Every structure is written in C-alpha cells, then in structure tokens.
Amino acid sequence: MNVKRILLDVAITVPLTFVVAAVVSYLYSLIAHGSGSVNWETAFQMAIILGIVLPFTRARVGGPKPTAQ
C-alpha cells in the first residue's frame, strides 16, 4: 500500500463526501418537511467514515493486477 496515495485519497474523499451529504440532507429536509435545513452532524459523520473506509478499500482491492500472457 502506498501511504501517500491513501492519504491523498482521504484528503479528497472527506470534503467531497461532506458536501454531497450536506446537499442531500438539505434536499431531503426541503422536500419531506418543507424546511430547508442541513443535518451537519450526519454529514460530518458520513464524511469521516466514508473518507477513511473508501480509500483503504480501494487500496486493498485495487492492488497489482496479473498481466495477461
């Protein structure tokens, strides 16, 4: 595993997941309840969890592939 690549993936995944989760919770609140409010706690928790899990999973599964001969 390349640690530098994993840390870069974490640094990209966390803010991206945070923004997407915030937008989704805002739209859900707006459509379902009629009040546009963001659930910041859920967005932050999801960003941290997925920001750590997804890059490690990608590094573990996406290892070196055998070459065709």
PDB file of N, CA and C in Angstrom:
ATOM      1  N   MET A   1       0.834  -1.180   0.000  1.00  0.00           N
ATOM      2  CA  MET A   1       0.000   0.000   0.000  1.00  0.00           C
ATOM      3  C   MET A   1       0.879   1.244   0.000  1.00  0.00           C
ATOM      4  N   ASN A   2       0.531   2.162  -0.837  1.00  0.00           N
ATOM      5  CA  ASN A   2       1.242   3.423  -0.910  1.00  0.00           C
ATOM      6  C   ASN A   2       0.555   4.418   0.028  1.00  0.00           C
ATOM      7  N   VAL A   3       1.214   4.756   1.128  1.00  0.00           N
ATOM      8  CA  VAL A   3       0.617   5.597   2.170  1.00  0.00           C
ATOM      9  C   VAL A   3       0.319   6.991   1.637  1.00  0.00           C
ATOM     10  N   LYS A   4       1.200   7.520   0.812  1.00  0.00           N
ATOM     11  CA  LYS A   4       0.990   8.861   0.278  1.00  0.00           C
ATOM     12  C   LYS A   4      -0.278   8.908  -0.582  1.00  0.00           C
ATOM     13  N   ARG A   5      -0.488   7.882  -1.377  1.00  0.00           N
ATOM     14  CA  ARG A   5      -1.679   7.813  -2.236  1.00  0.00           C
ATOM     15  C   ARG A   5      -2.953   7.668  -1.396  1.00  0.00           C
ATOM     16  N   ILE A   6      -2.887   6.857  -0.339  1.00  0.00           N
ATOM     17  CA  ILE A   6      -4.058   6.673   0.525  1.00  0.00           C
ATOM     18  C   ILE A   6      -4.416   7.984   1.221  1.00  0.00           C
ATOM     19  N   LEU A   7      -3.423   8.698   1.733  1.00  0.00           N
ATOM     20  CA  LEU A   7      -3.689   9.980   2.399  1.00  0.00           C
ATOM     21  C   LEU A   7      -4.252  11.014   1.430  1.00  0.00           C
ATOM     22  N   LEU A   8      -3.775  10.996   0.199  1.00  0.00           N
ATOM     23  CA  LEU A   8      -4.321  11.897  -0.811  1.00  0.00           C
ATOM     24  C   LEU A   8      -5.779  11.549  -1.110  1.00  0.00           C
ATOM     25  N   ASP A   9      -6.069  10.260  -1.221  1.00  0.00           N
ATOM     26  CA  ASP A   9      -7.453   9.831  -1.443  1.00  0.00           C
ATOM     27  C   ASP A   9      -8.355  10.221  -0.275  1.00  0.00           C
ATOM     28  N   VAL A  10      -7.859  10.091   0.951  1.00  0.00           N
ATOM     29  CA  VAL A  10      -8.635  10.506   2.127  1.00  0.00           C
ATOM     30  C   VAL A  10      -8.890  12.012   2.082  1.00  0.00           C
ATOM     31  N   ALA A  11      -7.855  12.790   1.736  1.00  0.00           N
ATOM     32  CA  ALA A  11      -7.988  14.246   1.680  1.00  0.00           C
ATOM     33  C   ALA A  11      -8.971  14.697   0.605  1.00  0.00           C
ATOM     34  N   ILE A  12      -9.154  13.901  -0.430  1.00  0.00           N
ATOM     35  CA  ILE A  12     -10.110  14.237  -1.486  1.00  0.00           C
ATOM     36  C   ILE A  12     -11.507  13.730  -1.133  1.00  0.00           C
ATOM     37  N   THR A  13     -11.589  12.546  -0.556  1.00  0.00           N
ATOM     38  CA  THR A  13     -12.878  11.907  -0.293  1.00  0.00           C
ATOM     39  C   THR A  13     -13.650  12.586   0.833  1.00  0.00           C
ATOM     40  N   VAL A  14     -12.973  13.010   1.894  1.00  0.00           N
ATOM     41  CA  VAL A  14     -13.669  13.597   3.050  1.00  0.00           C
ATOM     42  C   VAL A  14     -14.439  14.866   2.675  1.00  0.00           C
ATOM     43  N   PRO A  15     -13.825  15.876   2.062  1.00  0.00           N
ATOM     44  CA  PRO A  15     -14.617  17.079   1.743  1.00  0.00           C
ATOM     45  C   PRO A  15     -15.707  16.816   0.697  1.00  0.00           C
ATOM     46  N   LEU A  16     -15.403  15.952  -0.263  1.00  0.00           N
ATOM     47  CA  LEU A  16     -16.393  15.643  -1.286  1.00  0.00           C
ATOM     48  C   LEU A  16     -17.616  14.959  -0.678  1.00  0.00           C
ATOM     49  N   THR A  17     -17.382  13.990   0.195  1.00  0.00           N
ATOM     50  CA  THR A  17     -18.479  13.298   0.866  1.00  0.00           C
ATOM     51  C   THR A  17     -19.243  14.248   1.768  1.00  0.00           C
ATOM     52  N   PHE A  18     -18.551  15.148   2.443  1.00  0.00           N
ATOM     53  CA  PHE A  18     -19.212  16.112   3.323  1.00  0.00           C
ATOM     54  C   PHE A  18     -20.171  17.004   2.538  1.00  0.00           C
ATOM     55  N   VAL A  19     -19.711  17.512   1.411  1.00  0.00           N
ATOM     56  CA  VAL A  19     -20.561  18.393   0.595  1.00  0.00           C
ATOM     57  C   VAL A  19     -21.774  17.638   0.057  1.00  0.00           C
ATOM     58  N   VAL A  20     -21.553  16.442  -0.454  1.00  0.00           N
ATOM     59  CA  VAL A  20     -22.661  15.657  -1.012  1.00  0.00           C
ATOM     60  C   VAL A  20     -23.676  15.308   0.071  1.00  0.00           C
ATOM     61  N   ALA A  21     -23.210  14.890   1.240  1.00  0.00           N
ATOM     62  CA  ALA A  21     -24.120  14.541   2.331  1.00  0.00           C
ATOM     63  C   ALA A  21     -24.894  15.762   2.812  1.00  0.00           C
ATOM     64  N   ALA A  22     -24.253  16.920   2.862  1.00  0.00           N
ATOM     65  CA  ALA A  22     -24.938  18.144   3.280  1.00  0.00           C
ATOM     66  C   ALA A  22     -26.020  18.532   2.271  1.00  0.00           C
ATOM     67  N   VAL A  23     -25.714  18.432   0.991  1.00  0.00           N
ATOM     68  CA  VAL A  23     -26.696  18.765  -0.045  1.00  0.00           C
ATOM     69  C   VAL A  23     -27.870  17.798  -0.008  1.00  0.00           C
ATOM     70  N   VAL A  24     -27.588  16.517   0.146  1.00  0.00           N
ATOM     71  CA  VAL A  24     -28.656  15.515   0.185  1.00  0.00           C
ATOM     72  C   VAL A  24     -29.542  15.719   1.408  1.00  0.00           C
ATOM     73  N   SER A  25     -28.954  15.987   2.570  1.00  0.00           N
ATOM     74  CA  SER A  25     -29.781  16.197   3.758  1.00  0.00           C
ATOM     75  C   SER A  25     -30.599  17.475   3.639  1.00  0.00           C
ATOM     76  N   TYR A  26     -30.053  18.508   2.998  1.00  0.00           N
ATOM     77  CA  TYR A  26     -30.812  19.738   2.765  1.00  0.00           C
ATOM     78  C   TYR A  26     -32.001  19.477   1.845  1.00  0.00           C
ATOM     79  N   LEU A  27     -31.753  18.778   0.746  1.00  0.00           N
ATOM     80  CA  LEU A  27     -32.844  18.494  -0.196  1.00  0.00           C
ATOM     81  C   LEU A  27     -33.902  17.597   0.429  1.00  0.00           C
ATOM     82  N   TYR A  28     -33.484  16.611   1.220  1.00  0.00           N
ATOM     83  CA  TYR A  28     -34.445  15.741   1.898  1.00  0.00           C
ATOM     84  C   TYR A  28     -35.307  16.559   2.858  1.00  0.00           C
ATOM     85  N   SER A  29     -34.681  17.422   3.618  1.00  0.00           N
ATOM     86  CA  SER A  29     -35.420  18.243   4.568  1.00  0.00           C
ATOM     87  C   SER A  29     -36.375  19.189   3.844  1.00  0.00           C
ATOM     88  N   LEU A  30     -35.929  19.704   2.741  1.00  0.00           N
ATOM     89  CA  LEU A  30     -36.765  20.624   1.970  1.00  0.00           C
ATOM     90  C   LEU A  30     -37.966  19.909   1.360  1.00  0.00           C
ATOM     91  N   ILE A  31     -37.754  18.738   0.788  1.00  0.00           N
ATOM     92  CA  ILE A  31     -38.835  18.008   0.124  1.00  0.00           C
ATOM     93  C   ILE A  31     -39.763  17.343   1.137  1.00  0.00           C
ATOM     94  N   ALA A  32     -39.210  16.666   2.117  1.00  0.00           N
ATOM     95  CA  ALA A  32     -40.032  15.885   3.047  1.00  0.00           C
ATOM     96  C   ALA A  32     -40.706  16.747   4.113  1.00  0.00           C
ATOM     97  N   HIS A  33     -40.026  17.769   4.600  1.00  0.00           N
ATOM     98  CA  HIS A  33     -40.548  18.530   5.726  1.00  0.00           C
ATOM     99  C   HIS A  33     -40.888  19.974   5.379  1.00  0.00           C
ATOM    100  N   GLY A  34     -40.483  20.443   4.229  1.00  0.00           N
ATOM    101  CA  GLY A  34     -40.792  21.807   3.819  1.00  0.00           C
ATOM    102  C   GLY A  34     -39.872  22.853   4.427  1.00  0.00           C
ATOM    103  N   SER A  35     -38.880  22.443   5.181  1.00  0.00           N
ATOM    104  CA  SER A  35     -37.927  23.402   5.744  1.00  0.00           C
ATOM    105  C   SER A  35     -36.527  22.988   5.312  1.00  0.00           C
ATOM    106  N   GLY A  36     -35.832  23.868   4.658  1.00  0.00           N
ATOM    107  CA  GLY A  36     -34.506  23.542   4.159  1.00  0.00           C
ATOM    108  C   GLY A  36     -33.460  23.703   5.244  1.00  0.00           C
ATOM    109  N   SER A  37     -33.165  22.637   5.956  1.00  0.00           N
ATOM    110  CA  SER A  37     -32.104  22.685   6.966  1.00  0.00           C
ATOM    111  C   SER A  37     -31.171  21.498   6.745  1.00  0.00           C
ATOM    112  N   VAL A  38     -29.907  21.729   7.025  1.00  0.00           N
ATOM    113  CA  VAL A  38     -28.890  20.706   6.814  1.00  0.00           C
ATOM    114  C   VAL A  38     -28.620  20.001   8.138  1.00  0.00           C
ATOM    115  N   ASN A  39     -28.506  18.692   8.092  1.00  0.00           N
ATOM    116  CA  ASN A  39     -28.119  17.918   9.273  1.00  0.00           C
ATOM    117  C   ASN A  39     -26.597  17.814   9.264  1.00  0.00           C
ATOM    118  N   TRP A  40     -25.937  18.767   9.914  1.00  0.00           N
ATOM    119  CA  TRP A  40     -24.485  18.858   9.875  1.00  0.00           C
ATOM    120  C   TRP A  40     -23.814  17.670  10.552  1.00  0.00           C
ATOM    121  N   GLU A  41     -24.412  17.173  11.627  1.00  0.00           N
ATOM    122  CA  GLU A  41     -23.811  16.057  12.357  1.00  0.00           C
ATOM    123  C   GLU A  41     -23.713  14.809  11.486  1.00  0.00           C
ATOM    124  N   THR A  42     -24.800  14.500  10.802  1.00  0.00           N
ATOM    125  CA  THR A  42     -24.804  13.327   9.930  1.00  0.00           C
ATOM    126  C   THR A  42     -23.842  13.514   8.761  1.00  0.00           C
ATOM    127  N   ALA A  43     -23.813  14.700   8.184  1.00  0.00           N
ATOM    128  CA  ALA A  43     -22.909  14.963   7.063  1.00  0.00           C
ATOM    129  C   ALA A  43     -21.451  14.803   7.494  1.00  0.00           C
ATOM    130  N   PHE A  44     -21.111  15.303   8.686  1.00  0.00           N
ATOM    131  CA  PHE A  44     -19.742  15.197   9.179  1.00  0.00           C
ATOM    132  C   PHE A  44     -19.372  13.746   9.486  1.00  0.00           C
ATOM    133  N   GLN A  45     -20.280  13.031  10.152  1.00  0.00           N
ATOM    134  CA  GLN A  45     -20.005  11.628  10.476  1.00  0.00           C
ATOM    135  C   GLN A  45     -19.827  10.786   9.213  1.00  0.00           C
ATOM    136  N   MET A  46     -20.689  10.998   8.237  1.00  0.00           N
ATOM    137  CA  MET A  46     -20.594  10.231   6.995  1.00  0.00           C
ATOM    138  C   MET A  46     -19.293  10.552   6.259  1.00  0.00           C
ATOM    139  N   ALA A  47     -18.894  11.821   6.273  1.00  0.00           N
ATOM    140  CA  ALA A  47     -17.661  12.217   5.596  1.00  0.00           C
ATOM    141  C   ALA A  47     -16.450  11.556   6.239  1.00  0.00           C
ATOM    142  N   ILE A  48     -16.404  11.507   7.556  1.00  0.00           N
ATOM    143  CA  ILE A  48     -15.268  10.896   8.237  1.00  0.00           C
ATOM    144  C   ILE A  48     -15.235   9.391   7.986  1.00  0.00           C
ATOM    145  N   ILE A  49     -16.388   8.736   8.139  1.00  0.00           N
ATOM    146  CA  ILE A  49     -16.422   7.280   7.974  1.00  0.00           C
ATOM    147  C   ILE A  49     -16.080   6.870   6.548  1.00  0.00           C
ATOM    148  N   LEU A  50     -16.783   7.442   5.578  1.00  0.00           N
ATOM    149  CA  LEU A  50     -16.533   7.069   4.188  1.00  0.00           C
ATOM    150  C   LEU A  50     -15.181   7.579   3.697  1.00  0.00           C
ATOM    151  N   GLY A  51     -14.726   8.698   4.236  1.00  0.00           N
ATOM    152  CA  GLY A  51     -13.425   9.237   3.850  1.00  0.00           C
ATOM    153  C   GLY A  51     -12.276   8.357   4.261  1.00  0.00           C
ATOM    154  N   ILE A  52     -12.461   7.562   5.300  1.00  0.00           N
ATOM    155  CA  ILE A  52     -11.417   6.635   5.732  1.00  0.00           C
ATOM    156  C   ILE A  52     -11.606   5.266   5.086  1.00  0.00           C
ATOM    157  N   VAL A  53     -12.835   4.777   5.058  1.00  0.00           N
ATOM    158  CA  VAL A  53     -13.097   3.413   4.595  1.00  0.00           C
ATOM    159  C   VAL A  53     -12.879   3.263   3.085  1.00  0.00           C
ATOM    160  N   LEU A  54     -13.387   4.170   2.297  1.00  0.00           N
ATOM    161  CA  LEU A  54     -13.305   4.016   0.836  1.00  0.00           C
ATOM    162  C   LEU A  54     -11.871   3.989   0.295  1.00  0.00           C
ATOM    163  N   PRO A  55     -10.980   4.909   0.702  1.00  0.00           N
ATOM    164  CA  PRO A  55      -9.608   4.813   0.194  1.00  0.00           C
ATOM    165  C   PRO A  55      -8.880   3.539   0.619  1.00  0.00           C
ATOM    166  N   PHE A  56      -9.103   3.075   1.851  1.00  0.00           N
ATOM    167  CA  PHE A  56      -8.452   1.837   2.285  1.00  0.00           C
ATOM    168  C   PHE A  56      -8.999   0.642   1.520  1.00  0.00           C
ATOM    169  N   THR A  57     -10.301   0.642   1.260  1.00  0.00           N
ATOM    170  CA  THR A  57     -10.888  -0.446   0.475  1.00  0.00           C
ATOM    171  C   THR A  57     -10.343  -0.436  -0.946  1.00  0.00           C
ATOM    172  N   ARG A  58     -10.255   0.743  -1.537  1.00  0.00           N
ATOM    173  CA  ARG A  58      -9.722   0.846  -2.894  1.00  0.00           C
ATOM    174  C   ARG A  58      -8.269   0.396  -2.952  1.00  0.00           C
ATOM    175  N   ALA A  59      -7.489   0.737  -1.949  1.00  0.00           N
ATOM    176  CA  ALA A  59      -6.076   0.341  -1.928  1.00  0.00           C
ATOM    177  C   ALA A  59      -5.939  -1.166  -1.738  1.00  0.00           C
ATOM    178  N   ARG A  60      -6.825  -1.745  -0.946  1.00  0.00           N
ATOM    179  CA  ARG A  60      -6.738  -3.179  -0.661  1.00  0.00           C
ATOM    180  C   ARG A  60      -7.222  -4.016  -1.841  1.00  0.00           C
ATOM    181  N   VAL A  61      -8.314  -3.612  -2.461  1.00  0.00           N
ATOM    182  CA  VAL A  61      -8.891  -4.374  -3.573  1.00  0.00           C
ATOM    183  C   VAL A  61      -8.160  -4.048  -4.884  1.00  0.00           C
ATOM    184  N   GLY A  62      -7.802  -2.813  -5.065  1.00  0.00           N
ATOM    185  CA  GLY A  62      -7.202  -2.381  -6.327  1.00  0.00           C
ATOM    186  C   GLY A  62      -5.706  -2.574  -6.370  1.00  0.00           C
ATOM    187  N   GLY A  63      -5.210  -3.644  -5.813  1.00  0.00           N
ATOM    188  CA  GLY A  63      -3.762  -3.923  -5.815  1.00  0.00           C
ATOM    189  C   GLY A  63      -3.274  -4.261  -7.200  1.00  0.00           C
ATOM    190  N   PRO A  64      -2.051  -4.753  -7.297  1.00  0.00           N
ATOM    191  CA  PRO A  64      -1.485  -5.083  -8.602  1.00  0.00           C
ATOM    192  C   PRO A  64      -2.272  -6.188  -9.293  1.00  0.00           C
ATOM    193  N   LYS A  65      -2.549  -5.993 -10.545  1.00  0.00           N
ATOM    194  CA  LYS A  65      -3.297  -6.969 -11.344  1.00  0.00           C
ATOM    195  C   LYS A  65      -2.324  -7.869 -12.086  1.00  0.00           C
ATOM    196  N   PRO A  66      -2.653  -9.146 -12.217  1.00  0.00           N
ATOM    197  CA  PRO A  66      -1.788 -10.031 -13.002  1.00  0.00           C
ATOM    198  C   PRO A  66      -1.855  -9.637 -14.484  1.00  0.00           C
ATOM    199  N   THR A  67      -0.725  -9.769 -15.154  1.00  0.00           N
ATOM    200  CA  THR A  67      -0.685  -9.413 -16.566  1.00  0.00           C
ATOM    201  C   THR A  67      -1.066 -10.627 -17.428  1.00  0.00           C
ATOM    202  N   ALA A  68      -1.729 -10.348 -18.547  1.00  0.00           N
ATOM    203  CA  ALA A  68      -2.111 -11.440 -19.460  1.00  0.00           C
ATOM    204  C   ALA A  68      -0.878 -11.874 -20.240  1.00  0.00           C
ATOM    205  N   GLN A  69      -0.755 -13.185 -20.433  1.00  0.00           N
ATOM    206  CA  GLN A  69       0.417 -13.691 -21.167  1.00  0.00           C
ATOM    207  C   GLN A  69      -0.012 -14.493 -22.362  1.00  0.00           C
TER     208      GLN A  69
END
